[in-house]
Protein backbone atom coordinates (compact mmCIF):
# COMPACT_ATOMS: atom_id res chain seq x y z
CA UNK A 1 0.00 0.00 0.00
CA UNK A 2 2.86 2.44 0.82
CA UNK A 3 4.44 1.73 -2.57
CA UNK A 4 1.17 2.65 -4.28
CA UNK A 5 1.00 6.00 -2.47
CA UNK A 6 4.64 6.82 -3.32
CA UNK A 7 4.10 5.96 -6.99
CA UNK A 8 1.13 8.37 -7.16
CA UNK A 9 3.28 11.19 -5.76
CA UNK A 10 5.95 10.42 -8.33
CA UNK A 11 3.33 10.32 -11.05
CA UNK A 12 2.08 13.79 -10.08
CA UNK A 13 5.61 15.18 -10.15
CA UNK A 14 6.22 13.63 -13.56
CA UNK A 15 3.04 15.20 -14.90
CA UNK A 16 4.15 18.65 -13.66
CA UNK A 17 7.55 18.18 -15.29
CA UNK A 18 5.92 17.21 -18.59
CA UNK A 19 3.61 20.24 -18.45
CA UNK A 20 6.55 22.56 -17.75
CA UNK A 21 8.51 20.98 -20.59
CA UNK A 22 5.60 21.50 -23.01
CA UNK A 23 5.21 25.13 -21.92
CA UNK A 24 8.95 25.65 -22.44
CA UNK A 25 8.70 24.18 -25.94
CA UNK A 26 5.80 26.50 -26.81
CA UNK A 27 7.69 29.51 -25.48
CA UNK A 28 10.82 28.61 -27.44
CA UNK A 29 8.73 28.05 -30.56
CA UNK A 30 6.96 31.37 -30.08
CA UNK A 31 10.24 33.22 -29.65
CA UNK A 32 11.64 31.61 -32.79
CA UNK A 33 8.47 32.37 -34.76
CA UNK A 34 7.84 35.93 -33.54
CA UNK A 35 11.39 36.87 -32.55
CA UNK A 36 12.31 38.83 -35.67
CA UNK A 37 8.99 40.69 -35.69
CA UNK A 38 9.38 41.70 -32.06
CA UNK A 39 13.02 42.66 -32.61
CA UNK A 40 12.04 44.85 -35.55
CA UNK A 41 9.31 46.50 -33.47
CA UNK A 42 11.75 47.30 -30.66
CA UNK A 43 14.34 48.61 -33.11
CA UNK A 44 11.75 50.83 -34.84
CA UNK A 45 10.60 52.18 -31.47
CA UNK A 46 14.17 52.85 -30.33
CA UNK A 47 14.91 54.61 -33.62
CA UNK A 48 11.84 56.83 -33.25
CA UNK A 49 12.77 57.72 -29.66
CA UNK A 50 16.36 58.43 -30.68
CA UNK A 51 15.20 60.77 -33.47
CA UNK A 52 12.86 62.57 -31.05
CA UNK A 53 15.62 63.02 -28.48
CA UNK A 54 18.10 64.18 -31.11
CA UNK A 55 15.66 66.74 -32.51
CA UNK A 56 14.88 67.95 -28.98
CA UNK A 57 18.58 68.38 -28.20
CA UNK A 58 19.13 70.27 -31.45
CA UNK A 59 16.22 72.59 -30.69
CA UNK A 60 17.61 73.20 -27.20
CA UNK A 61 21.01 74.19 -28.55
CA UNK A 62 19.51 76.77 -30.88
CA UNK A 63 17.45 78.51 -28.20
CA UNK A 64 18.72 81.23 -25.89
CA UNK A 65 19.75 80.04 -22.46
CA UNK A 66 20.06 76.40 -23.47
CA UNK A 67 22.08 73.88 -21.54
C-alpha atoms as a PDB file:
ATOM      1  CA  UNK A   1       0.000   0.000   0.000  1.00  0.00           C
ATOM      2  CA  UNK A   2       2.857   2.437   0.821  1.00  0.00           C
ATOM      3  CA  UNK A   3       4.437   1.735  -2.570  1.00  0.00           C
ATOM      4  CA  UNK A   4       1.167   2.650  -4.280  1.00  0.00           C
ATOM      5  CA  UNK A   5       1.001   5.997  -2.468  1.00  0.00           C
ATOM      6  CA  UNK A   6       4.641   6.818  -3.325  1.00  0.00           C
ATOM      7  CA  UNK A   7       4.102   5.964  -6.995  1.00  0.00           C
ATOM      8  CA  UNK A   8       1.135   8.372  -7.162  1.00  0.00           C
ATOM      9  CA  UNK A   9       3.283  11.192  -5.761  1.00  0.00           C
ATOM     10  CA  UNK A  10       5.950  10.416  -8.333  1.00  0.00           C
ATOM     11  CA  UNK A  11       3.332  10.324 -11.051  1.00  0.00           C
ATOM     12  CA  UNK A  12       2.078  13.787 -10.085  1.00  0.00           C
ATOM     13  CA  UNK A  13       5.612  15.184 -10.148  1.00  0.00           C
ATOM     14  CA  UNK A  14       6.222  13.626 -13.558  1.00  0.00           C
ATOM     15  CA  UNK A  15       3.040  15.203 -14.897  1.00  0.00           C
ATOM     16  CA  UNK A  16       4.146  18.649 -13.665  1.00  0.00           C
ATOM     17  CA  UNK A  17       7.555  18.181 -15.286  1.00  0.00           C
ATOM     18  CA  UNK A  18       5.917  17.213 -18.590  1.00  0.00           C
ATOM     19  CA  UNK A  19       3.611  20.240 -18.450  1.00  0.00           C
ATOM     20  CA  UNK A  20       6.552  22.561 -17.748  1.00  0.00           C
ATOM     21  CA  UNK A  21       8.514  20.979 -20.594  1.00  0.00           C
ATOM     22  CA  UNK A  22       5.597  21.502 -23.008  1.00  0.00           C
ATOM     23  CA  UNK A  23       5.213  25.128 -21.920  1.00  0.00           C
ATOM     24  CA  UNK A  24       8.949  25.652 -22.436  1.00  0.00           C
ATOM     25  CA  UNK A  25       8.705  24.185 -25.945  1.00  0.00           C
ATOM     26  CA  UNK A  26       5.801  26.500 -26.808  1.00  0.00           C
ATOM     27  CA  UNK A  27       7.687  29.512 -25.478  1.00  0.00           C
ATOM     28  CA  UNK A  28      10.818  28.609 -27.441  1.00  0.00           C
ATOM     29  CA  UNK A  29       8.727  28.049 -30.563  1.00  0.00           C
ATOM     30  CA  UNK A  30       6.961  31.373 -30.078  1.00  0.00           C
ATOM     31  CA  UNK A  31      10.244  33.224 -29.653  1.00  0.00           C
ATOM     32  CA  UNK A  32      11.639  31.614 -32.788  1.00  0.00           C
ATOM     33  CA  UNK A  33       8.471  32.371 -34.762  1.00  0.00           C
ATOM     34  CA  UNK A  34       7.836  35.935 -33.536  1.00  0.00           C
ATOM     35  CA  UNK A  35      11.385  36.868 -32.555  1.00  0.00           C
ATOM     36  CA  UNK A  36      12.314  38.830 -35.670  1.00  0.00           C
ATOM     37  CA  UNK A  37       8.994  40.695 -35.691  1.00  0.00           C
ATOM     38  CA  UNK A  38       9.384  41.697 -32.058  1.00  0.00           C
ATOM     39  CA  UNK A  39      13.021  42.664 -32.605  1.00  0.00           C
ATOM     40  CA  UNK A  40      12.035  44.850 -35.552  1.00  0.00           C
ATOM     41  CA  UNK A  41       9.311  46.502 -33.468  1.00  0.00           C
ATOM     42  CA  UNK A  42      11.748  47.301 -30.661  1.00  0.00           C
ATOM     43  CA  UNK A  43      14.339  48.608 -33.114  1.00  0.00           C
ATOM     44  CA  UNK A  44      11.755  50.827 -34.835  1.00  0.00           C
ATOM     45  CA  UNK A  45      10.603  52.184 -31.467  1.00  0.00           C
ATOM     46  CA  UNK A  46      14.167  52.847 -30.334  1.00  0.00           C
ATOM     47  CA  UNK A  47      14.913  54.611 -33.619  1.00  0.00           C
ATOM     48  CA  UNK A  48      11.842  56.831 -33.246  1.00  0.00           C
ATOM     49  CA  UNK A  49      12.774  57.723 -29.663  1.00  0.00           C
ATOM     50  CA  UNK A  50      16.360  58.431 -30.683  1.00  0.00           C
ATOM     51  CA  UNK A  51      15.202  60.771 -33.466  1.00  0.00           C
ATOM     52  CA  UNK A  52      12.862  62.575 -31.053  1.00  0.00           C
ATOM     53  CA  UNK A  53      15.623  63.018 -28.484  1.00  0.00           C
ATOM     54  CA  UNK A  54      18.102  64.183 -31.111  1.00  0.00           C
ATOM     55  CA  UNK A  55      15.660  66.742 -32.512  1.00  0.00           C
ATOM     56  CA  UNK A  56      14.880  67.949 -28.983  1.00  0.00           C
ATOM     57  CA  UNK A  57      18.576  68.385 -28.204  1.00  0.00           C
ATOM     58  CA  UNK A  58      19.135  70.270 -31.452  1.00  0.00           C
ATOM     59  CA  UNK A  59      16.217  72.587 -30.689  1.00  0.00           C
ATOM     60  CA  UNK A  60      17.605  73.198 -27.197  1.00  0.00           C
ATOM     61  CA  UNK A  61      21.012  74.192 -28.548  1.00  0.00           C
ATOM     62  CA  UNK A  62      19.506  76.772 -30.885  1.00  0.00           C
ATOM     63  CA  UNK A  63      17.449  78.509 -28.196  1.00  0.00           C
ATOM     64  CA  UNK A  64      18.720  81.234 -25.887  1.00  0.00           C
ATOM     65  CA  UNK A  65      19.752  80.038 -22.463  1.00  0.00           C
ATOM     66  CA  UNK A  66      20.062  76.402 -23.468  1.00  0.00           C
ATOM     67  CA  UNK A  67      22.084  73.878 -21.536  1.00  0.00           C
END
